[in-house]
C-alpha atoms as a PDB file:
ATOM      1  CA  MET A   1     -19.665 -93.249  34.281  1.00  0.00           C
ATOM      2  CA  THR A   2     -16.600 -92.586  32.131  1.00  0.00           C
ATOM      3  CA  VAL A   3     -17.796 -95.064  29.515  1.00  0.00           C
ATOM      4  CA  ILE A   4     -21.284 -93.545  29.474  1.00  0.00           C
ATOM      5  CA  VAL A   5     -19.957 -89.986  29.059  1.00  0.00           C
ATOM      6  CA  ALA A   6     -17.498 -91.157  26.376  1.00  0.00           C
ATOM      7  CA  ALA A   7     -20.272 -92.954  24.459  1.00  0.00           C
ATOM      8  CA  SER A   8     -22.484 -89.859  24.605  1.00  0.00           C
ATOM      9  CA  ALA A   9     -19.579 -87.680  23.463  1.00  0.00           C
ATOM     10  CA  LEU A  10     -19.052 -90.040  20.535  1.00  0.00           C
ATOM     11  CA  LEU A  11     -22.734 -89.737  19.600  1.00  0.00           C
ATOM     12  CA  LEU A  12     -22.433 -85.947  19.783  1.00  0.00           C
ATOM     13  CA  VAL A  13     -19.374 -86.050  17.498  1.00  0.00           C
ATOM     14  CA  LEU A  14     -21.271 -88.181  14.984  1.00  0.00           C
ATOM     15  CA  SER A  15     -24.281 -85.872  15.171  1.00  0.00           C
ATOM     16  CA  SER A  16     -22.047 -82.814  14.674  1.00  0.00           C
ATOM     17  CA  ALA A  17     -20.315 -84.460  11.728  1.00  0.00           C
ATOM     18  CA  TRP A  18     -23.719 -85.163  10.195  1.00  0.00           C
ATOM     19  CA  GLN A  19     -24.700 -81.507  10.687  1.00  0.00           C
ATOM     20  CA  LEU A  20     -21.413 -80.478   9.085  1.00  0.00           C
ATOM     21  CA  ARG A  21     -22.518 -82.212   5.867  1.00  0.00           C
ATOM     22  CA  SER A  22     -25.739 -80.262   5.579  1.00  0.00           C
ATOM     23  CA  ARG A  23     -25.140 -76.989   7.414  1.00  0.00           C
ATOM     24  CA  ARG A  24     -21.476 -76.012   7.427  1.00  0.00           C
ATOM     25  CA  ILE A  25     -21.560 -73.127   9.922  1.00  0.00           C
ATOM     26  CA  SER A  26     -23.729 -74.817  12.564  1.00  0.00           C
ATOM     27  CA  GLY A  27     -21.753 -78.062  12.200  1.00  0.00           C
ATOM     28  CA  VAL A  28     -18.417 -76.284  12.666  1.00  0.00           C
ATOM     29  CA  LEU A  29     -19.809 -74.386  15.663  1.00  0.00           C
ATOM     30  CA  ALA A  30     -21.116 -77.631  17.195  1.00  0.00           C
ATOM     31  CA  ILE A  31     -17.721 -79.323  16.780  1.00  0.00           C
ATOM     32  CA  ILE A  32     -15.887 -76.334  18.325  1.00  0.00           C
ATOM     33  CA  VAL A  33     -18.249 -76.306  21.328  1.00  0.00           C
ATOM     34  CA  LEU A  34     -17.893 -80.085  21.714  1.00  0.00           C
ATOM     35  CA  VAL A  35     -14.082 -79.902  21.631  1.00  0.00           C
ATOM     36  CA  LEU A  36     -14.139 -77.134  24.263  1.00  0.00           C
ATOM     37  CA  TYR A  37     -16.518 -79.214  26.397  1.00  0.00           C
ATOM     38  CA  LEU A  38     -14.285 -82.300  26.176  1.00  0.00           C
ATOM     39  CA  ALA A  39     -11.209 -80.184  26.963  1.00  0.00           C
ATOM     40  CA  LEU A  40     -12.980 -78.799  30.038  1.00  0.00           C
ATOM     41  CA  LEU A  41     -13.840 -82.343  31.156  1.00  0.00           C
ATOM     42  CA  HIS A  42     -10.245 -83.406  30.630  1.00  0.00           C
ATOM     43  CA  PHE A  43      -8.637 -80.546  32.541  1.00  0.00           C
ATOM     44  CA  ALA A  44     -11.239 -80.378  35.328  1.00  0.00           C
ATOM     45  CA  PHE A  45     -11.767 -84.092  35.958  1.00  0.00           C
ATOM     46  CA  GLY A  46      -9.037 -85.932  34.059  1.00  0.00           C
ATOM     47  CA  PHE A  47     -11.541 -87.362  31.566  1.00  0.00           C
ATOM     48  CA  PRO A  48     -11.174 -90.015  30.186  1.00  0.00           C
ATOM     49  CA  SER A  49      -9.666 -91.898  33.077  1.00  0.00           C
ATOM     50  CA  PHE A  50     -10.684 -94.922  35.037  1.00  0.00           C
ATOM     51  CA  PRO A  51     -10.090 -94.402  38.762  1.00  0.00           C
ATOM     52  CA  ALA A  52      -8.504 -97.275  40.636  1.00  0.00           C
ATOM     53  CA  GLU A  53     -10.479 -96.620  43.827  1.00  0.00           C
ATOM     54  CA  VAL A  54     -13.852 -95.337  44.873  1.00  0.00           C
ATOM     55  CA  ALA A  55     -13.625 -92.107  46.856  1.00  0.00           C
ATOM     56  CA  LYS A  56     -15.638 -93.364  49.833  1.00  0.00           C
ATOM     57  CA  GLY A  57     -15.397 -96.832  51.266  1.00  0.00           C
ATOM     58  CA  GLU A  58     -14.047 -99.897  49.591  1.00  0.00           C
ATOM     59  CA  THR A  59     -14.137-100.736  45.901  1.00  0.00           C
ATOM     60  CA  ASN A  60     -17.295-102.571  44.921  1.00  0.00           C
ATOM     61  CA  ALA A  61     -16.428-104.874  42.025  1.00  0.00           C
ATOM     62  CA  ASP A  62     -20.058-105.894  41.482  1.00  0.00           C
ATOM     63  CA  ALA A  63     -21.317-102.336  40.808  1.00  0.00           C
ATOM     64  CA  GLY A  64     -20.362-102.373  37.111  1.00  0.00           C
ATOM     65  CA  PRO A  65     -22.949-104.904  35.892  1.00  0.00           C
ATOM     66  CA  LEU A  66     -25.685-103.241  37.939  1.00  0.00           C
ATOM     67  CA  VAL A  67     -24.856 -99.767  36.611  1.00  0.00           C
ATOM     68  CA  LEU A  68     -24.769-101.069  33.036  1.00  0.00           C
ATOM     69  CA  ALA A  69     -28.077-102.915  33.482  1.00  0.00           C
ATOM     70  CA  LEU A  70     -29.716 -99.823  34.985  1.00  0.00           C
ATOM     71  CA  PHE A  71     -28.377 -97.625  32.172  1.00  0.00           C
ATOM     72  CA  ILE A  72     -29.772-100.058  29.585  1.00  0.00           C
ATOM     73  CA  SER A  73     -33.109-100.027  31.424  1.00  0.00           C
ATOM     74  CA  MET A  74     -33.118 -96.221  31.314  1.00  0.00           C
ATOM     75  CA  VAL A  75     -32.266 -96.198  27.595  1.00  0.00           C
ATOM     76  CA  LEU A  76     -35.110 -98.666  26.982  1.00  0.00           C
ATOM     77  CA  GLY A  77     -37.403 -96.233  28.809  1.00  0.00           C
ATOM     78  CA  MET A  78     -36.259 -93.457  26.473  1.00  0.00           C
ATOM     79  CA  GLY A  79     -37.018 -95.635  23.461  1.00  0.00           C
ATOM     80  CA  ALA A  80     -40.409 -96.536  24.939  1.00  0.00           C
ATOM     81  CA  GLU A  81     -41.210 -92.842  25.377  1.00  0.00           C
ATOM     82  CA  TYR A  82     -40.538 -92.221  21.677  1.00  0.00           C
ATOM     83  CA  LEU A  83     -42.629 -95.262  20.731  1.00  0.00           C
ATOM     84  CA  TYR A  84     -45.453 -94.054  23.001  1.00  0.00           C
ATOM     85  CA  HIS A  85     -45.582 -90.646  21.275  1.00  0.00           C
ATOM     86  CA  TYR A  86     -45.179 -92.308  17.854  1.00  0.00           C
ATOM     87  CA  LEU A  87     -48.183 -94.582  18.484  1.00  0.00           C
ATOM     88  CA  ASP A  88     -50.167 -91.719  20.000  1.00  0.00           C
ATOM     89  CA  SER A  89     -49.816 -89.519  16.894  1.00  0.00           C
ATOM     90  CA  LYS A  90     -52.294 -89.418  14.038  1.00  0.00           C
ATOM     91  CA  PRO A  91     -51.781 -91.940  11.203  1.00  0.00           C
ATOM     92  CA  GLN A  92     -50.757 -89.245   8.703  1.00  0.00           C
ATOM     93  CA  GLU A  93     -48.110 -87.955  11.169  1.00  0.00           C
ATOM     94  CA  THR A  94     -46.418 -91.311  11.824  1.00  0.00           C
ATOM     95  CA  LYS A  95     -43.167 -90.612  10.032  1.00  0.00           C
ATOM     96  CA  PHE A  96     -40.051 -91.823  11.823  1.00  0.00           C
ATOM     97  CA  ASP A  97     -37.874 -88.869  12.847  1.00  0.00           C
ATOM     98  CA  TRP A  98     -34.385 -90.096  13.730  1.00  0.00           C
ATOM     99  CA  ARG A  99     -33.425 -86.755  15.306  1.00  0.00           C
ATOM    100  CA  THR A 100     -36.268 -86.944  17.802  1.00  0.00           C
ATOM    101  CA  PHE A 101     -35.398 -90.594  18.445  1.00  0.00           C
ATOM    102  CA  VAL A 102     -31.661 -89.927  19.098  1.00  0.00           C
ATOM    103  CA  LYS A 103     -32.111 -86.747  21.168  1.00  0.00           C
ATOM    104  CA  PRO A 104     -32.820 -88.452  24.540  1.00  0.00           C
ATOM    105  CA  PHE A 105     -29.807 -90.736  24.183  1.00  0.00           C
ATOM    106  CA  LEU A 106     -27.541 -87.676  23.904  1.00  0.00           C
ATOM    107  CA  VAL A 107     -28.715 -86.350  27.266  1.00  0.00           C
ATOM    108  CA  SER A 108     -28.838 -89.787  28.892  1.00  0.00           C
ATOM    109  CA  PRO A 109     -25.767 -89.294  31.114  1.00  0.00           C
ATOM    110  CA  MET A 110     -27.327 -86.197  32.683  1.00  0.00           C
ATOM    111  CA  VAL A 111     -30.517 -88.126  33.413  1.00  0.00           C
ATOM    112  CA  PHE A 112     -28.612 -91.172  34.682  1.00  0.00           C
ATOM    113  CA  VAL A 113     -26.171 -89.438  37.069  1.00  0.00           C
ATOM    114  CA  PRO A 114     -28.692 -88.859  39.922  1.00  0.00           C
ATOM    115  CA  LEU A 115     -29.783 -92.505  39.794  1.00  0.00           C
ATOM    116  CA  ALA A 116     -26.192 -93.750  39.784  1.00  0.00           C
ATOM    117  CA  ALA A 117     -25.292 -91.382  42.626  1.00  0.00           C
ATOM    118  CA  SER A 118     -28.155 -92.714  44.736  1.00  0.00           C
ATOM    119  CA  LEU A 119     -26.704 -96.227  44.348  1.00  0.00           C
ATOM    120  CA  GLN A 120     -23.183 -95.261  45.380  1.00  0.00           C
ATOM    121  CA  ASN A 121     -23.314 -96.930  48.796  1.00  0.00           C
ATOM    122  CA  ALA A 122     -26.114 -99.396  48.080  1.00  0.00           C
ATOM    123  CA  LYS A 123     -25.333-103.060  48.548  1.00  0.00           C
ATOM    124  CA  VAL A 124     -27.453-104.716  45.873  1.00  0.00           C
ATOM    125  CA  ASP A 125     -27.274-108.462  45.384  1.00  0.00           C
ATOM    126  CA  LEU A 126     -27.412-109.409  41.701  1.00  0.00           C
ATOM    127  CA  SER A 127     -27.398-113.142  42.372  1.00  0.00           C
ATOM    128  CA  SER A 128     -31.156-113.245  42.997  1.00  0.00           C
ATOM    129  CA  PHE A 129     -33.919-111.246  41.366  1.00  0.00           C
ATOM    130  CA  ASN A 130     -36.077-109.773  44.118  1.00  0.00           C
ATOM    131  CA  ILE A 131     -38.543-106.906  44.595  1.00  0.00           C
ATOM    132  CA  PRO A 132     -35.955-104.208  45.536  1.00  0.00           C
ATOM    133  CA  LEU A 133     -33.916-105.057  42.442  1.00  0.00           C
ATOM    134  CA  LEU A 134     -37.062-104.934  40.281  1.00  0.00           C
ATOM    135  CA  MET A 135     -37.882-101.514  41.750  1.00  0.00           C
ATOM    136  CA  LEU A 136     -34.400-100.249  40.781  1.00  0.00           C
ATOM    137  CA  PHE A 137     -34.945-101.329  37.183  1.00  0.00           C
ATOM    138  CA  LEU A 138     -38.430 -99.787  37.111  1.00  0.00           C
ATOM    139  CA  VAL A 139     -37.106 -96.481  38.496  1.00  0.00           C
ATOM    140  CA  ALA A 140     -34.360 -96.483  35.841  1.00  0.00           C
ATOM    141  CA  PHE A 141     -36.972 -97.193  33.129  1.00  0.00           C
ATOM    142  CA  GLU A 142     -39.164 -94.413  34.545  1.00  0.00           C
ATOM    143  CA  ASN A 143     -36.243 -91.953  34.486  1.00  0.00           C
ATOM    144  CA  GLY A 144     -35.757 -92.806  30.818  1.00  0.00           C
ATOM    145  CA  PHE A 145     -39.448 -92.584  29.962  1.00  0.00           C
ATOM    146  CA  LEU A 146     -39.854 -89.245  31.743  1.00  0.00           C
ATOM    147  CA  TRP A 147     -36.504 -87.831  30.579  1.00  0.00           C
ATOM    148  CA  ARG A 148     -38.041 -84.761  28.929  1.00  0.00           C
ATOM    149  CA  GLY A 149     -39.761 -83.542  32.105  1.00  0.00           C
ATOM    150  CA  TYR A 150     -36.724 -84.310  34.247  1.00  0.00           C
ATOM    151  CA  PHE A 151     -34.384 -82.520  31.852  1.00  0.00           C
ATOM    152  CA  THR A 152     -36.683 -79.476  31.565  1.00  0.00           C
ATOM    153  CA  ARG A 153     -36.996 -79.252  35.370  1.00  0.00           C
ATOM    154  CA  LYS A 154     -33.216 -79.456  35.882  1.00  0.00           C
ATOM    155  CA  LEU A 155     -32.618 -76.755  33.242  1.00  0.00           C
ATOM    156  CA  ALA A 156     -35.176 -74.496  34.923  1.00  0.00           C
ATOM    157  CA  GLN A 157     -33.438 -74.979  38.297  1.00  0.00           C
ATOM    158  CA  SER A 158     -30.003 -74.042  36.923  1.00  0.00           C
END
């Protein structure tokens, strides 16, 4: 999770730096808010740190590849959602918009956390590809594809 949050923070820094080139005030404001956010993460949770142990139970060394594979599946779902809307638009409106394409990847940790939390105590065997493992990948892809509805619902609840 630390790597995912750090990668998203890096993308936000790059996006803010890009905004700084074109719109000085909004870019500076975005960088200030991002620095405050990262400082809050650092002081509240010790970010970035890699814990030596899992809070509950024993350390599961095989969870890393599964989490990474599920995150990649979710990101592929986010890309598929953009492609779906791109192909669904009228031919004269089919201009690639990189901002719309990058937007879901910036919120990907917030979409991925509930899925990762549900797998915390799951014992998944990666040595054989079976139906339960396929369902995990499909649920991760679905979370990515339906990120906009999930994100809107979570914002409305908070």
